[in-house]
Amino acid sequence: MEAKFLTMFKEVLEITDRELLLEDNFRDYEEWNSLVFLSLIAMIDEEFDVIIEGRDFKQLKTNAEIIETIKKLQS
């Protein structure tokens, strides 16, 4: 699941020149903005059938934390 998420997140961010890592703070990505946030939320809903509420998402810092949250909400 981690690889799938990172690949899809790269597409949302439109990154082609580097890899994303689990420990990356996604808010530090140069490409991160409010449109990417909305696209990411939509992608998570569509691909993983999970909705992360805005207030909960604000607490997340790394790609790994997003993935862990998805896993928790799926169970």
N, C-alpha and C. Protein backbone atom coordinates (compact mmCIF):
# COMPACT_ATOMS: atom_id res chain seq x y z
N MET A 1 0.81 -1.20 0.00
CA MET A 1 0.00 0.00 0.00
C MET A 1 0.86 1.27 0.00
N GLU A 2 1.98 1.22 0.69
CA GLU A 2 2.86 2.39 0.77
C GLU A 2 3.33 2.82 -0.62
N ALA A 3 3.77 1.86 -1.42
CA ALA A 3 4.27 2.18 -2.76
C ALA A 3 3.16 2.77 -3.63
N LYS A 4 1.96 2.19 -3.53
CA LYS A 4 0.82 2.69 -4.30
C LYS A 4 0.51 4.12 -3.91
N PHE A 5 0.47 4.39 -2.61
CA PHE A 5 0.18 5.74 -2.14
C PHE A 5 1.23 6.73 -2.65
N LEU A 6 2.50 6.39 -2.47
CA LEU A 6 3.56 7.32 -2.88
C LEU A 6 3.54 7.58 -4.38
N THR A 7 3.27 6.55 -5.16
CA THR A 7 3.18 6.72 -6.62
C THR A 7 2.02 7.66 -6.98
N MET A 8 0.89 7.45 -6.35
CA MET A 8 -0.27 8.28 -6.64
C MET A 8 -0.07 9.71 -6.14
N PHE A 9 0.57 9.85 -5.00
CA PHE A 9 0.83 11.19 -4.46
C PHE A 9 1.78 11.94 -5.39
N LYS A 10 2.77 11.25 -5.94
CA LYS A 10 3.67 11.88 -6.92
C LYS A 10 2.88 12.41 -8.11
N GLU A 11 1.89 11.65 -8.56
CA GLU A 11 1.05 12.09 -9.68
C GLU A 11 0.25 13.34 -9.30
N VAL A 12 -0.31 13.34 -8.09
CA VAL A 12 -1.07 14.49 -7.63
C VAL A 12 -0.17 15.73 -7.58
N LEU A 13 1.06 15.55 -7.09
CA LEU A 13 2.01 16.65 -6.99
C LEU A 13 2.65 17.00 -8.33
N GLU A 14 2.47 16.13 -9.33
CA GLU A 14 3.09 16.29 -10.64
C GLU A 14 4.61 16.32 -10.54
N ILE A 15 5.15 15.42 -9.73
CA ILE A 15 6.60 15.29 -9.55
C ILE A 15 7.09 14.16 -10.46
N THR A 16 8.10 14.45 -11.25
CA THR A 16 8.67 13.44 -12.15
C THR A 16 10.17 13.25 -11.96
N ASP A 17 10.79 14.16 -11.21
CA ASP A 17 12.26 14.16 -11.14
C ASP A 17 12.84 13.61 -9.85
N ARG A 18 11.98 13.13 -8.95
CA ARG A 18 12.49 12.58 -7.69
C ARG A 18 11.46 11.64 -7.07
N GLU A 19 11.93 10.86 -6.11
CA GLU A 19 11.06 9.93 -5.38
C GLU A 19 10.58 10.58 -4.09
N LEU A 20 9.43 10.14 -3.64
CA LEU A 20 8.92 10.56 -2.34
C LEU A 20 9.29 9.48 -1.33
N LEU A 21 9.57 9.90 -0.12
CA LEU A 21 9.92 8.97 0.94
C LEU A 21 8.86 9.00 2.03
N LEU A 22 8.73 7.90 2.74
CA LEU A 22 7.75 7.82 3.82
C LEU A 22 7.98 8.88 4.88
N GLU A 23 9.25 9.15 5.17
CA GLU A 23 9.56 10.09 6.25
C GLU A 23 9.53 11.56 5.83
N ASP A 24 9.27 11.83 4.55
CA ASP A 24 9.18 13.22 4.08
C ASP A 24 8.04 13.96 4.76
N ASN A 25 8.30 15.22 5.10
CA ASN A 25 7.22 16.10 5.55
C ASN A 25 6.59 16.67 4.29
N PHE A 26 5.41 16.18 3.96
CA PHE A 26 4.79 16.55 2.69
C PHE A 26 4.50 18.04 2.58
N ARG A 27 4.34 18.71 3.71
CA ARG A 27 4.07 20.15 3.67
C ARG A 27 5.31 20.94 3.23
N ASP A 28 6.47 20.31 3.24
CA ASP A 28 7.70 20.96 2.80
C ASP A 28 7.92 20.85 1.30
N TYR A 29 7.11 20.05 0.62
CA TYR A 29 7.25 19.95 -0.84
C TYR A 29 6.97 21.30 -1.47
N GLU A 30 7.83 21.67 -2.38
CA GLU A 30 7.65 22.94 -3.10
C GLU A 30 6.29 22.99 -3.80
N GLU A 31 5.81 21.83 -4.23
CA GLU A 31 4.57 21.74 -4.99
C GLU A 31 3.31 21.77 -4.11
N TRP A 32 3.47 21.66 -2.79
CA TRP A 32 2.32 21.58 -1.88
C TRP A 32 1.56 22.91 -1.85
N ASN A 33 0.25 22.83 -2.06
CA ASN A 33 -0.61 24.00 -1.96
C ASN A 33 -2.04 23.53 -1.71
N SER A 34 -2.97 24.45 -1.63
CA SER A 34 -4.34 24.09 -1.29
C SER A 34 -5.00 23.23 -2.37
N LEU A 35 -4.66 23.44 -3.62
CA LEU A 35 -5.23 22.62 -4.69
C LEU A 35 -4.71 21.18 -4.60
N VAL A 36 -3.42 21.02 -4.30
CA VAL A 36 -2.85 19.68 -4.11
C VAL A 36 -3.53 19.00 -2.92
N PHE A 37 -3.76 19.75 -1.85
CA PHE A 37 -4.45 19.20 -0.68
C PHE A 37 -5.81 18.62 -1.08
N LEU A 38 -6.60 19.39 -1.81
CA LEU A 38 -7.92 18.93 -2.23
C LEU A 38 -7.81 17.72 -3.15
N SER A 39 -6.85 17.74 -4.05
CA SER A 39 -6.65 16.61 -4.96
C SER A 39 -6.23 15.36 -4.19
N LEU A 40 -5.38 15.53 -3.18
CA LEU A 40 -4.94 14.41 -2.36
C LEU A 40 -6.11 13.80 -1.59
N ILE A 41 -6.93 14.64 -1.00
CA ILE A 41 -8.11 14.16 -0.26
C ILE A 41 -9.03 13.38 -1.19
N ALA A 42 -9.23 13.89 -2.41
CA ALA A 42 -10.09 13.21 -3.38
C ALA A 42 -9.48 11.88 -3.81
N MET A 43 -8.17 11.84 -4.01
CA MET A 43 -7.48 10.62 -4.41
C MET A 43 -7.58 9.56 -3.31
N ILE A 44 -7.40 9.96 -2.07
CA ILE A 44 -7.49 9.02 -0.95
C ILE A 44 -8.91 8.46 -0.86
N ASP A 45 -9.90 9.31 -1.04
CA ASP A 45 -11.29 8.86 -1.00
C ASP A 45 -11.56 7.87 -2.13
N GLU A 46 -11.13 8.21 -3.34
CA GLU A 46 -11.40 7.36 -4.51
C GLU A 46 -10.65 6.04 -4.46
N GLU A 47 -9.37 6.08 -4.15
CA GLU A 47 -8.53 4.89 -4.23
C GLU A 47 -8.58 4.00 -2.99
N PHE A 48 -8.78 4.62 -1.82
CA PHE A 48 -8.72 3.86 -0.57
C PHE A 48 -10.06 3.84 0.17
N ASP A 49 -11.06 4.53 -0.38
CA ASP A 49 -12.40 4.58 0.20
C ASP A 49 -12.37 5.07 1.64
N VAL A 50 -11.61 6.14 1.85
CA VAL A 50 -11.42 6.72 3.18
C VAL A 50 -11.50 8.23 3.06
N ILE A 51 -12.15 8.85 4.04
CA ILE A 51 -12.18 10.31 4.09
C ILE A 51 -11.47 10.76 5.36
N ILE A 52 -10.41 11.53 5.17
CA ILE A 52 -9.70 12.11 6.31
C ILE A 52 -10.25 13.52 6.50
N GLU A 53 -10.84 13.75 7.64
CA GLU A 53 -11.41 15.06 7.94
C GLU A 53 -10.32 16.12 8.01
N GLY A 54 -10.66 17.34 7.65
CA GLY A 54 -9.70 18.44 7.62
C GLY A 54 -8.97 18.65 8.93
N ARG A 55 -9.71 18.60 10.03
CA ARG A 55 -9.08 18.83 11.34
C ARG A 55 -8.09 17.72 11.67
N ASP A 56 -8.39 16.49 11.22
CA ASP A 56 -7.47 15.38 11.44
C ASP A 56 -6.25 15.50 10.52
N PHE A 57 -6.49 15.92 9.29
CA PHE A 57 -5.40 16.04 8.34
C PHE A 57 -4.39 17.09 8.80
N LYS A 58 -4.86 18.13 9.46
CA LYS A 58 -3.96 19.19 9.93
C LYS A 58 -2.90 18.67 10.90
N GLN A 59 -3.20 17.55 11.57
CA GLN A 59 -2.28 16.97 12.54
C GLN A 59 -1.16 16.15 11.87
N LEU A 60 -1.37 15.79 10.61
CA LEU A 60 -0.42 14.91 9.91
C LEU A 60 0.74 15.72 9.35
N LYS A 61 1.93 15.09 9.40
CA LYS A 61 3.14 15.79 8.93
C LYS A 61 3.88 15.02 7.86
N THR A 62 3.91 13.71 7.96
CA THR A 62 4.71 12.91 7.02
C THR A 62 3.83 12.02 6.15
N ASN A 63 4.42 11.54 5.07
CA ASN A 63 3.70 10.60 4.21
C ASN A 63 3.32 9.35 4.99
N ALA A 64 4.21 8.89 5.87
CA ALA A 64 3.94 7.70 6.68
C ALA A 64 2.72 7.93 7.57
N GLU A 65 2.56 9.12 8.12
CA GLU A 65 1.41 9.41 8.97
C GLU A 65 0.11 9.39 8.17
N ILE A 66 0.15 9.86 6.93
CA ILE A 66 -1.04 9.78 6.08
C ILE A 66 -1.42 8.32 5.86
N ILE A 67 -0.43 7.50 5.53
CA ILE A 67 -0.67 6.09 5.27
C ILE A 67 -1.22 5.39 6.51
N GLU A 68 -0.65 5.67 7.67
CA GLU A 68 -1.14 5.06 8.91
C GLU A 68 -2.58 5.47 9.19
N THR A 69 -2.92 6.71 8.90
CA THR A 69 -4.28 7.18 9.10
C THR A 69 -5.24 6.47 8.16
N ILE A 70 -4.84 6.30 6.91
CA ILE A 70 -5.67 5.55 5.96
C ILE A 70 -5.91 4.14 6.46
N LYS A 71 -4.85 3.48 6.91
CA LYS A 71 -4.98 2.11 7.41
C LYS A 71 -5.93 2.02 8.60
N LYS A 72 -5.83 2.97 9.52
CA LYS A 72 -6.70 2.98 10.70
C LYS A 72 -8.16 3.17 10.29
N LEU A 73 -8.40 4.06 9.34
CA LEU A 73 -9.78 4.35 8.92
C LEU A 73 -10.37 3.22 8.09
N GLN A 74 -9.53 2.40 7.48
CA GLN A 74 -10.02 1.28 6.70
C GLN A 74 -10.42 0.10 7.58
N SER A 75 -9.89 0.05 8.79
CA SER A 75 -10.18 -1.12 9.63
C SER A 75 -11.39 -0.91 10.51
